[in-house]
Amino acid sequence: MSVKGLGAKVVFASTTIYEVYQHKEAIDRMARNEASKVTRIHHIGITVNDAQKAVEEWREAFGFEGKVVDLPDKNIRIGVVKVAGVTFFLNEHTDPARKAELTQGLELPVTFSGHGIVNKVGEGISHLAFETTDLDYMMEKAKKAGMKVMLEKPRDALEGICNFIVSEDAHIPIEFMQPVEGRKNPLE
């Protein structure tokens, strides 16, 4: 599915919002089978060049309401759009060096089996984030399965802490987030 906007023309790997929702349902069922360690999809991260423009285009094209939150200490501006119970983070990196690093070595656009993954201006789906009740457990489980964990120690993230599975091992970058009691998500 091609969507006009998000800075330029973005292709969501030929996946419709409905298909994402269907996958969410399947993932939610799997999560419940994992002794409730994973409680939900926290968000789907999409790299964009202009978060405000992306939110406006999603509103105009689909009627999806959203907002933009600027996190200058993290060099990121995030458009937050909720659709059918799934939260999308439209991540605009405000640090030019970080922006360049994200597409370094890529021949844009990036396609796989005919599906657009990253468009010619470096925008596309960047990661899936799952919320968990036990981050350490999920990281140990990944390691036992032969996957590499990106960070030696979890880092602060929104309303909690997070860590990542290396994308080569998980087929797409996966983030696990664990809320910390008393900490509020600045994006809500």
N, C-alpha and C. Protein backbone atom coordinates (compact mmCIF):
# COMPACT_ATOMS: atom_id res chain seq x y z
N MET A 1 0.84 -1.18 0.00
CA MET A 1 0.00 0.00 0.00
C MET A 1 0.88 1.23 0.00
N SER A 2 0.66 2.11 -0.90
CA SER A 2 1.39 3.36 -0.94
C SER A 2 0.57 4.43 -0.24
N VAL A 3 1.24 5.25 0.53
CA VAL A 3 0.57 6.35 1.22
C VAL A 3 1.27 7.63 0.83
N LYS A 4 0.52 8.56 0.24
CA LYS A 4 1.10 9.85 -0.11
C LYS A 4 1.42 10.58 1.19
N GLY A 5 2.57 11.12 1.24
CA GLY A 5 2.90 11.93 2.41
C GLY A 5 4.03 11.36 3.22
N LEU A 6 4.00 11.64 4.50
CA LEU A 6 5.10 11.31 5.41
C LEU A 6 6.38 11.91 4.86
N GLY A 7 6.30 13.14 4.48
CA GLY A 7 7.48 13.82 3.93
C GLY A 7 7.50 13.69 2.43
N ALA A 8 7.43 12.50 1.93
CA ALA A 8 7.37 12.23 0.50
C ALA A 8 6.42 11.06 0.35
N LYS A 9 6.62 10.23 -0.64
CA LYS A 9 5.77 9.06 -0.80
C LYS A 9 6.39 7.91 -0.02
N VAL A 10 5.63 7.30 0.87
CA VAL A 10 6.13 6.21 1.71
C VAL A 10 5.38 4.94 1.34
N VAL A 11 6.08 3.84 1.31
CA VAL A 11 5.45 2.56 1.05
C VAL A 11 5.56 1.74 2.32
N PHE A 12 4.44 1.29 2.83
CA PHE A 12 4.42 0.52 4.08
C PHE A 12 4.57 -0.97 3.78
N ALA A 13 5.61 -1.35 3.12
CA ALA A 13 5.89 -2.76 2.86
C ALA A 13 4.62 -3.50 2.40
N SER A 14 3.80 -2.84 1.60
CA SER A 14 2.56 -3.40 1.06
C SER A 14 1.62 -3.91 2.14
N THR A 15 1.69 -3.37 3.32
CA THR A 15 0.84 -3.79 4.43
C THR A 15 -0.19 -2.71 4.70
N THR A 16 -1.45 -3.11 4.75
CA THR A 16 -2.51 -2.17 5.06
C THR A 16 -2.65 -2.04 6.57
N ILE A 17 -3.32 -0.99 7.01
CA ILE A 17 -3.59 -0.81 8.44
C ILE A 17 -4.39 -2.01 8.94
N TYR A 18 -5.33 -2.50 8.14
CA TYR A 18 -6.12 -3.66 8.54
C TYR A 18 -5.23 -4.88 8.76
N GLU A 19 -4.26 -5.09 7.85
CA GLU A 19 -3.35 -6.22 8.00
C GLU A 19 -2.49 -6.08 9.26
N VAL A 20 -2.04 -4.85 9.54
CA VAL A 20 -1.28 -4.61 10.77
C VAL A 20 -2.14 -4.98 11.97
N TYR A 21 -3.42 -4.59 11.93
CA TYR A 21 -4.32 -4.90 13.04
C TYR A 21 -4.49 -6.40 13.18
N GLN A 22 -4.63 -7.13 12.05
CA GLN A 22 -4.75 -8.59 12.11
C GLN A 22 -3.50 -9.20 12.73
N HIS A 23 -2.32 -8.70 12.34
CA HIS A 23 -1.07 -9.20 12.92
C HIS A 23 -1.02 -8.88 14.41
N LYS A 24 -1.52 -7.71 14.78
CA LYS A 24 -1.56 -7.32 16.19
C LYS A 24 -2.38 -8.34 16.98
N GLU A 25 -3.53 -8.74 16.43
CA GLU A 25 -4.37 -9.73 17.11
C GLU A 25 -3.60 -11.04 17.31
N ALA A 26 -2.90 -11.51 16.28
CA ALA A 26 -2.14 -12.76 16.39
C ALA A 26 -1.01 -12.62 17.41
N ILE A 27 -0.32 -11.48 17.37
CA ILE A 27 0.77 -11.25 18.32
C ILE A 27 0.23 -11.16 19.74
N ASP A 28 -0.92 -10.51 19.91
CA ASP A 28 -1.53 -10.44 21.23
C ASP A 28 -1.84 -11.84 21.77
N ARG A 29 -2.35 -12.73 20.90
CA ARG A 29 -2.63 -14.11 21.33
C ARG A 29 -1.34 -14.81 21.75
N MET A 30 -0.26 -14.63 20.96
CA MET A 30 1.03 -15.25 21.31
C MET A 30 1.54 -14.69 22.63
N ALA A 31 1.38 -13.39 22.83
CA ALA A 31 1.87 -12.76 24.06
C ALA A 31 1.18 -13.35 25.28
N ARG A 32 -0.11 -13.59 25.19
CA ARG A 32 -0.82 -14.17 26.33
C ARG A 32 -0.30 -15.56 26.65
N ASN A 33 0.19 -16.27 25.62
CA ASN A 33 0.75 -17.61 25.84
C ASN A 33 2.13 -17.56 26.47
N GLU A 34 2.77 -16.42 26.49
CA GLU A 34 4.11 -16.27 27.08
C GLU A 34 3.98 -15.83 28.53
N ALA A 35 3.11 -16.51 29.27
CA ALA A 35 2.91 -16.25 30.71
C ALA A 35 2.70 -14.77 30.98
N SER A 36 2.05 -14.10 30.03
CA SER A 36 1.72 -12.69 30.17
C SER A 36 2.94 -11.79 30.38
N LYS A 37 4.10 -12.20 29.91
CA LYS A 37 5.30 -11.34 30.00
C LYS A 37 5.20 -10.19 29.01
N VAL A 38 4.62 -10.43 27.85
CA VAL A 38 4.37 -9.36 26.88
C VAL A 38 2.90 -9.03 26.98
N THR A 39 2.60 -7.76 27.22
CA THR A 39 1.22 -7.37 27.47
C THR A 39 0.54 -6.72 26.28
N ARG A 40 1.32 -6.13 25.37
CA ARG A 40 0.71 -5.48 24.20
C ARG A 40 1.80 -5.01 23.25
N ILE A 41 1.38 -4.62 22.06
CA ILE A 41 2.28 -3.89 21.17
C ILE A 41 2.30 -2.48 21.72
N HIS A 42 3.46 -1.99 22.11
CA HIS A 42 3.55 -0.63 22.65
C HIS A 42 3.43 0.38 21.52
N HIS A 43 4.19 0.16 20.44
CA HIS A 43 4.09 1.04 19.27
C HIS A 43 4.79 0.43 18.08
N ILE A 44 4.51 0.99 16.91
CA ILE A 44 5.25 0.70 15.69
C ILE A 44 5.95 1.99 15.32
N GLY A 45 7.28 1.93 15.22
CA GLY A 45 8.08 3.11 14.91
C GLY A 45 8.27 3.27 13.41
N ILE A 46 8.03 4.47 12.93
CA ILE A 46 8.23 4.79 11.51
C ILE A 46 9.10 6.03 11.44
N THR A 47 10.19 5.95 10.72
CA THR A 47 11.08 7.09 10.54
C THR A 47 10.50 8.00 9.46
N VAL A 48 10.37 9.28 9.79
CA VAL A 48 9.87 10.27 8.84
C VAL A 48 10.81 11.48 8.86
N ASN A 49 10.71 12.31 7.85
CA ASN A 49 11.54 13.52 7.80
C ASN A 49 10.88 14.72 8.45
N ASP A 50 9.55 14.68 8.61
CA ASP A 50 8.83 15.81 9.20
C ASP A 50 7.62 15.26 9.95
N ALA A 51 7.72 15.12 11.26
CA ALA A 51 6.65 14.53 12.07
C ALA A 51 5.35 15.31 11.97
N GLN A 52 5.42 16.64 12.02
CA GLN A 52 4.21 17.47 11.95
C GLN A 52 3.49 17.26 10.62
N LYS A 53 4.24 17.28 9.55
CA LYS A 53 3.65 17.10 8.22
C LYS A 53 3.05 15.70 8.10
N ALA A 54 3.73 14.70 8.64
CA ALA A 54 3.22 13.32 8.58
C ALA A 54 1.91 13.18 9.32
N VAL A 55 1.82 13.75 10.52
CA VAL A 55 0.58 13.69 11.30
C VAL A 55 -0.55 14.38 10.54
N GLU A 56 -0.27 15.55 9.97
CA GLU A 56 -1.29 16.28 9.21
C GLU A 56 -1.75 15.47 8.00
N GLU A 57 -0.81 14.81 7.31
CA GLU A 57 -1.17 14.02 6.13
C GLU A 57 -2.00 12.79 6.51
N TRP A 58 -1.66 12.16 7.62
CA TRP A 58 -2.46 11.01 8.08
C TRP A 58 -3.87 11.48 8.44
N ARG A 59 -3.99 12.66 9.05
CA ARG A 59 -5.30 13.21 9.42
C ARG A 59 -6.11 13.49 8.15
N GLU A 60 -5.48 14.17 7.19
CA GLU A 60 -6.17 14.53 5.95
C GLU A 60 -6.55 13.30 5.13
N ALA A 61 -5.63 12.35 4.99
CA ALA A 61 -5.87 11.19 4.14
C ALA A 61 -6.82 10.17 4.76
N PHE A 62 -6.69 9.94 6.07
CA PHE A 62 -7.42 8.84 6.70
C PHE A 62 -8.35 9.26 7.84
N GLY A 63 -8.24 10.50 8.29
CA GLY A 63 -9.04 10.94 9.42
C GLY A 63 -8.46 10.54 10.76
N PHE A 64 -7.21 10.06 10.79
CA PHE A 64 -6.57 9.65 12.04
C PHE A 64 -6.07 10.88 12.78
N GLU A 65 -6.47 11.04 14.01
CA GLU A 65 -6.02 12.17 14.82
C GLU A 65 -4.68 11.83 15.46
N GLY A 66 -3.85 12.83 15.65
CA GLY A 66 -2.56 12.63 16.29
C GLY A 66 -2.03 13.93 16.84
N LYS A 67 -0.87 13.84 17.41
CA LYS A 67 -0.21 15.03 17.94
C LYS A 67 1.29 14.85 17.77
N VAL A 68 2.02 15.94 17.93
CA VAL A 68 3.48 15.91 17.82
C VAL A 68 4.06 16.33 19.16
N VAL A 69 5.02 15.56 19.63
CA VAL A 69 5.70 15.85 20.88
C VAL A 69 7.18 16.01 20.57
N ASP A 70 7.75 17.13 21.00
CA ASP A 70 9.18 17.42 20.78
C ASP A 70 9.95 17.00 22.03
N LEU A 71 10.96 16.15 21.84
CA LEU A 71 11.83 15.72 22.94
C LEU A 71 13.26 16.19 22.61
N PRO A 72 13.56 17.48 22.81
CA PRO A 72 14.85 18.04 22.39
C PRO A 72 16.05 17.37 23.08
N ASP A 73 15.89 16.91 24.32
CA ASP A 73 17.00 16.25 25.01
C ASP A 73 17.35 14.91 24.37
N LYS A 74 16.42 14.34 23.59
CA LYS A 74 16.66 13.07 22.90
C LYS A 74 16.85 13.27 21.39
N ASN A 75 16.86 14.53 20.95
CA ASN A 75 17.02 14.88 19.53
C ASN A 75 16.00 14.18 18.64
N ILE A 76 14.75 14.21 19.09
CA ILE A 76 13.70 13.58 18.31
C ILE A 76 12.38 14.33 18.49
N ARG A 77 11.61 14.36 17.43
CA ARG A 77 10.25 14.89 17.45
C ARG A 77 9.38 13.70 17.02
N ILE A 78 8.34 13.41 17.79
CA ILE A 78 7.54 12.22 17.54
C ILE A 78 6.08 12.58 17.28
N GLY A 79 5.60 12.16 16.12
CA GLY A 79 4.17 12.24 15.84
C GLY A 79 3.54 10.98 16.42
N VAL A 80 2.50 11.15 17.23
CA VAL A 80 1.84 10.02 17.86
C VAL A 80 0.44 9.90 17.27
N VAL A 81 0.17 8.75 16.63
CA VAL A 81 -1.12 8.51 16.02
C VAL A 81 -1.60 7.13 16.48
N LYS A 82 -2.83 7.08 17.00
CA LYS A 82 -3.41 5.80 17.43
C LYS A 82 -4.48 5.38 16.44
N VAL A 83 -4.36 4.12 15.98
CA VAL A 83 -5.29 3.57 15.00
C VAL A 83 -5.66 2.16 15.43
N ALA A 84 -6.94 1.92 15.64
CA ALA A 84 -7.45 0.58 15.94
C ALA A 84 -6.67 -0.08 17.09
N GLY A 85 -6.35 0.68 18.10
CA GLY A 85 -5.65 0.13 19.25
C GLY A 85 -4.14 0.02 19.10
N VAL A 86 -3.61 0.42 17.95
CA VAL A 86 -2.17 0.38 17.71
C VAL A 86 -1.64 1.81 17.69
N THR A 87 -0.55 2.08 18.40
CA THR A 87 0.07 3.39 18.41
C THR A 87 1.23 3.41 17.43
N PHE A 88 1.24 4.42 16.58
CA PHE A 88 2.34 4.63 15.63
C PHE A 88 3.14 5.82 16.12
N PHE A 89 4.47 5.66 16.19
CA PHE A 89 5.38 6.76 16.48
C PHE A 89 6.02 7.16 15.16
N LEU A 90 5.74 8.37 14.69
CA LEU A 90 6.32 8.91 13.47
C LEU A 90 7.54 9.71 13.90
N ASN A 91 8.70 9.05 13.88
CA ASN A 91 9.93 9.56 14.48
C ASN A 91 10.73 10.43 13.53
N GLU A 92 10.86 11.70 13.87
CA GLU A 92 11.69 12.64 13.12
C GLU A 92 12.95 12.90 13.93
N HIS A 93 14.08 12.46 13.43
CA HIS A 93 15.35 12.69 14.13
C HIS A 93 15.80 14.12 13.82
N THR A 94 16.00 14.91 14.87
CA THR A 94 16.35 16.32 14.68
C THR A 94 17.85 16.57 14.66
N ASP A 95 18.63 15.55 14.96
CA ASP A 95 20.09 15.65 14.91
C ASP A 95 20.54 15.21 13.51
N PRO A 96 21.10 16.12 12.69
CA PRO A 96 21.49 15.77 11.32
C PRO A 96 22.47 14.59 11.26
N ALA A 97 23.35 14.46 12.23
CA ALA A 97 24.31 13.35 12.22
C ALA A 97 23.58 12.02 12.41
N ARG A 98 22.61 11.98 13.30
CA ARG A 98 21.83 10.76 13.54
C ARG A 98 20.99 10.43 12.32
N LYS A 99 20.43 11.44 11.70
CA LYS A 99 19.62 11.25 10.49
C LYS A 99 20.47 10.60 9.39
N ALA A 100 21.68 11.11 9.21
CA ALA A 100 22.57 10.57 8.19
C ALA A 100 23.00 9.14 8.53
N GLU A 101 23.22 8.88 9.81
CA GLU A 101 23.65 7.56 10.27
C GLU A 101 22.59 6.49 9.96
N LEU A 102 21.32 6.85 10.04
CA LEU A 102 20.23 5.90 9.83
C LEU A 102 20.21 5.33 8.41
N THR A 103 20.64 6.10 7.44
CA THR A 103 20.61 5.62 6.06
C THR A 103 22.01 5.36 5.48
N GLN A 104 23.03 5.49 6.32
CA GLN A 104 24.41 5.28 5.87
C GLN A 104 24.56 3.88 5.29
N GLY A 105 25.13 3.80 4.10
CA GLY A 105 25.39 2.53 3.45
C GLY A 105 24.18 1.92 2.76
N LEU A 106 23.03 2.56 2.85
CA LEU A 106 21.84 2.04 2.17
C LEU A 106 21.74 2.62 0.77
N GLU A 107 21.36 1.79 -0.15
CA GLU A 107 21.05 2.28 -1.49
C GLU A 107 19.54 2.47 -1.53
N LEU A 108 19.11 3.73 -1.49
CA LEU A 108 17.68 4.03 -1.37
C LEU A 108 17.02 4.11 -2.74
N PRO A 109 15.80 3.68 -2.89
CA PRO A 109 14.96 3.07 -1.88
C PRO A 109 15.38 1.63 -1.60
N VAL A 110 14.99 1.11 -0.45
CA VAL A 110 15.26 -0.27 -0.07
C VAL A 110 13.99 -1.08 -0.31
N THR A 111 14.12 -2.15 -1.09
CA THR A 111 12.96 -3.02 -1.33
C THR A 111 13.35 -4.45 -1.02
N PHE A 112 12.36 -5.25 -0.70
CA PHE A 112 12.58 -6.66 -0.44
C PHE A 112 11.38 -7.41 -1.00
N SER A 113 11.64 -8.34 -1.89
CA SER A 113 10.58 -9.11 -2.53
C SER A 113 9.50 -8.21 -3.11
N GLY A 114 9.92 -7.10 -3.67
CA GLY A 114 8.98 -6.17 -4.29
C GLY A 114 8.28 -5.24 -3.33
N HIS A 115 8.56 -5.36 -2.03
CA HIS A 115 7.92 -4.50 -1.04
C HIS A 115 8.88 -3.37 -0.68
N GLY A 116 8.37 -2.15 -0.67
CA GLY A 116 9.18 -1.02 -0.26
C GLY A 116 9.34 -1.01 1.25
N ILE A 117 10.56 -0.94 1.72
CA ILE A 117 10.82 -0.93 3.16
C ILE A 117 11.23 0.46 3.60
N VAL A 118 12.16 1.07 2.86
CA VAL A 118 12.59 2.43 3.13
C VAL A 118 12.52 3.17 1.81
N ASN A 119 11.87 4.35 1.80
CA ASN A 119 11.71 5.06 0.54
C ASN A 119 12.99 5.82 0.17
N LYS A 120 12.94 6.53 -0.95
CA LYS A 120 14.15 7.17 -1.48
C LYS A 120 14.65 8.32 -0.63
N VAL A 121 13.85 8.81 0.33
CA VAL A 121 14.33 9.87 1.21
C VAL A 121 14.57 9.36 2.64
N GLY A 122 14.68 8.03 2.80
CA GLY A 122 15.08 7.46 4.09
C GLY A 122 13.97 7.27 5.09
N GLU A 123 12.72 7.26 4.64
CA GLU A 123 11.58 7.05 5.54
C GLU A 123 11.06 5.63 5.41
N GLY A 124 10.59 5.08 6.52
CA GLY A 124 9.99 3.75 6.48
C GLY A 124 9.84 3.17 7.88
N ILE A 125 9.26 1.98 7.94
CA ILE A 125 9.06 1.33 9.23
C ILE A 125 10.42 1.02 9.84
N SER A 126 10.62 1.46 11.09
CA SER A 126 11.94 1.28 11.71
C SER A 126 11.97 0.17 12.75
N HIS A 127 10.86 -0.05 13.49
CA HIS A 127 10.88 -1.10 14.52
C HIS A 127 9.49 -1.37 15.08
N LEU A 128 9.38 -2.51 15.75
CA LEU A 128 8.20 -2.87 16.53
C LEU A 128 8.60 -2.83 18.00
N ALA A 129 7.72 -2.30 18.83
CA ALA A 129 8.01 -2.24 20.27
C ALA A 129 6.91 -2.97 21.04
N PHE A 130 7.33 -3.91 21.88
CA PHE A 130 6.42 -4.66 22.72
C PHE A 130 6.58 -4.21 24.16
N GLU A 131 5.47 -4.10 24.88
CA GLU A 131 5.53 -3.81 26.30
C GLU A 131 5.58 -5.15 27.05
N THR A 132 6.43 -5.22 28.05
CA THR A 132 6.60 -6.44 28.83
C THR A 132 6.55 -6.14 30.33
N THR A 133 6.19 -7.13 31.08
CA THR A 133 6.20 -7.00 32.54
C THR A 133 7.56 -7.38 33.11
N ASP A 134 8.43 -7.96 32.26
CA ASP A 134 9.73 -8.43 32.74
C ASP A 134 10.77 -8.35 31.62
N LEU A 135 11.41 -7.19 31.51
CA LEU A 135 12.39 -6.95 30.45
C LEU A 135 13.56 -7.93 30.52
N ASP A 136 14.08 -8.15 31.71
CA ASP A 136 15.22 -9.07 31.86
C ASP A 136 14.86 -10.47 31.35
N TYR A 137 13.68 -10.94 31.69
CA TYR A 137 13.22 -12.25 31.25
C TYR A 137 13.20 -12.34 29.72
N MET A 138 12.65 -11.32 29.06
CA MET A 138 12.55 -11.33 27.60
C MET A 138 13.94 -11.29 26.95
N MET A 139 14.86 -10.52 27.54
CA MET A 139 16.21 -10.45 26.98
C MET A 139 16.93 -11.80 27.15
N GLU A 140 16.77 -12.42 28.30
CA GLU A 140 17.38 -13.74 28.53
C GLU A 140 16.79 -14.79 27.59
N LYS A 141 15.50 -14.72 27.39
CA LYS A 141 14.83 -15.65 26.48
C LYS A 141 15.38 -15.48 25.06
N ALA A 142 15.57 -14.25 24.62
CA ALA A 142 16.13 -13.99 23.30
C ALA A 142 17.56 -14.53 23.19
N LYS A 143 18.36 -14.28 24.23
CA LYS A 143 19.75 -14.78 24.22
C LYS A 143 19.79 -16.31 24.14
N LYS A 144 18.91 -16.97 24.90
CA LYS A 144 18.86 -18.45 24.88
C LYS A 144 18.47 -18.97 23.51
N ALA A 145 17.72 -18.16 22.75
CA ALA A 145 17.31 -18.53 21.40
C ALA A 145 18.39 -18.19 20.38
N GLY A 146 19.55 -17.68 20.85
CA GLY A 146 20.67 -17.35 19.96
C GLY A 146 20.63 -15.95 19.39
N MET A 147 19.74 -15.11 19.90
CA MET A 147 19.66 -13.74 19.41
C MET A 147 20.56 -12.82 20.22
N LYS A 148 21.00 -11.75 19.57
CA LYS A 148 21.86 -10.77 20.25
C LYS A 148 21.01 -9.61 20.77
N VAL A 149 21.33 -9.21 21.99
CA VAL A 149 20.68 -8.06 22.61
C VAL A 149 21.55 -6.85 22.33
N MET A 150 20.95 -5.75 21.93
CA MET A 150 21.71 -4.58 21.50
C MET A 150 22.46 -3.88 22.64
N LEU A 151 21.82 -3.70 23.79
CA LEU A 151 22.43 -2.94 24.88
C LEU A 151 22.81 -3.86 26.03
N GLU A 152 23.98 -3.60 26.62
CA GLU A 152 24.40 -4.39 27.77
C GLU A 152 23.44 -4.20 28.95
N LYS A 153 23.02 -2.95 29.15
CA LYS A 153 22.05 -2.62 30.19
C LYS A 153 20.89 -1.87 29.56
N PRO A 154 19.66 -2.06 30.06
CA PRO A 154 18.52 -1.32 29.51
C PRO A 154 18.74 0.18 29.64
N ARG A 155 18.09 0.93 28.76
CA ARG A 155 18.17 2.39 28.83
C ARG A 155 16.80 2.96 29.16
N ASP A 156 16.79 4.20 29.64
CA ASP A 156 15.54 4.89 29.91
C ASP A 156 14.80 5.11 28.60
N ALA A 157 13.47 4.94 28.66
CA ALA A 157 12.65 5.14 27.48
C ALA A 157 11.23 5.48 27.90
N LEU A 158 10.79 6.67 27.56
CA LEU A 158 9.44 7.10 27.84
C LEU A 158 9.05 6.81 29.27
N GLU A 159 8.06 5.91 29.47
CA GLU A 159 7.57 5.66 30.83
C GLU A 159 8.29 4.51 31.52
N GLY A 160 9.44 4.10 30.99
CA GLY A 160 10.12 2.96 31.59
C GLY A 160 11.53 2.76 31.09
N ILE A 161 11.87 1.49 30.89
CA ILE A 161 13.19 1.11 30.39
C ILE A 161 13.00 0.23 29.17
N CYS A 162 14.04 0.14 28.34
CA CYS A 162 13.91 -0.67 27.12
C CYS A 162 15.24 -1.29 26.73
N ASN A 163 15.14 -2.26 25.84
CA ASN A 163 16.30 -2.85 25.19
C ASN A 163 15.82 -3.39 23.85
N PHE A 164 16.77 -3.74 22.98
CA PHE A 164 16.46 -4.12 21.62
C PHE A 164 17.10 -5.46 21.27
N ILE A 165 16.45 -6.18 20.36
CA ILE A 165 17.01 -7.38 19.76
C ILE A 165 17.63 -6.94 18.44
N VAL A 166 18.83 -7.40 18.13
CA VAL A 166 19.51 -7.05 16.89
C VAL A 166 18.65 -7.49 15.71
N SER A 167 18.46 -6.59 14.77
CA SER A 167 17.52 -6.83 13.67
C SER A 167 17.88 -8.05 12.82
N GLU A 168 19.15 -8.34 12.65
CA GLU A 168 19.53 -9.50 11.84
C GLU A 168 19.03 -10.79 12.47
N ASP A 169 18.88 -10.80 13.78
CA ASP A 169 18.41 -12.00 14.47
C ASP A 169 16.89 -12.09 14.52
N ALA A 170 16.21 -10.97 14.57
CA ALA A 170 14.75 -10.96 14.74
C ALA A 170 14.01 -10.61 13.45
N HIS A 171 14.75 -10.41 12.37
CA HIS A 171 14.19 -10.10 11.05
C HIS A 171 13.71 -8.66 10.90
N ILE A 172 13.52 -7.97 11.99
CA ILE A 172 13.16 -6.54 12.02
C ILE A 172 13.59 -6.06 13.40
N PRO A 173 14.01 -4.81 13.53
CA PRO A 173 14.38 -4.35 14.87
C PRO A 173 13.18 -4.47 15.83
N ILE A 174 13.40 -5.12 16.96
CA ILE A 174 12.37 -5.29 17.97
C ILE A 174 12.84 -4.65 19.27
N GLU A 175 11.97 -3.84 19.84
CA GLU A 175 12.23 -3.19 21.11
C GLU A 175 11.28 -3.80 22.14
N PHE A 176 11.80 -4.03 23.33
CA PHE A 176 10.96 -4.43 24.46
C PHE A 176 11.03 -3.30 25.48
N MET A 177 9.85 -2.90 25.97
CA MET A 177 9.76 -1.80 26.94
C MET A 177 9.06 -2.31 28.20
N GLN A 178 9.60 -1.92 29.35
CA GLN A 178 8.97 -2.25 30.63
C GLN A 178 8.66 -0.96 31.36
N PRO A 179 7.38 -0.73 31.68
CA PRO A 179 7.04 0.48 32.42
C PRO A 179 7.68 0.49 33.81
N VAL A 180 7.97 1.68 34.30
CA VAL A 180 8.49 1.86 35.65
C VAL A 180 7.39 2.57 36.44
N GLU A 181 7.00 1.99 37.56
CA GLU A 181 5.91 2.53 38.36
C GLU A 181 6.16 4.00 38.71
N GLY A 182 5.14 4.80 38.50
CA GLY A 182 5.21 6.22 38.83
C GLY A 182 5.74 7.11 37.71
N ARG A 183 6.24 6.52 36.65
CA ARG A 183 6.76 7.31 35.54
C ARG A 183 5.69 7.42 34.46
N LYS A 184 5.40 8.63 34.02
CA LYS A 184 4.38 8.88 33.02
C LYS A 184 4.99 8.97 31.62
N ASN A 185 4.30 8.44 30.64
CA ASN A 185 4.73 8.53 29.25
C ASN A 185 4.57 9.98 28.79
N PRO A 186 5.66 10.66 28.40
CA PRO A 186 5.56 12.06 27.98
C PRO A 186 4.80 12.25 26.67
N LEU A 187 4.53 11.18 25.96
CA LEU A 187 3.83 11.28 24.68
C LEU A 187 2.32 11.20 24.84
N GLU A 188 1.85 10.81 26.02
CA GLU A 188 0.40 10.68 26.21
C GLU A 188 -0.20 11.93 26.79
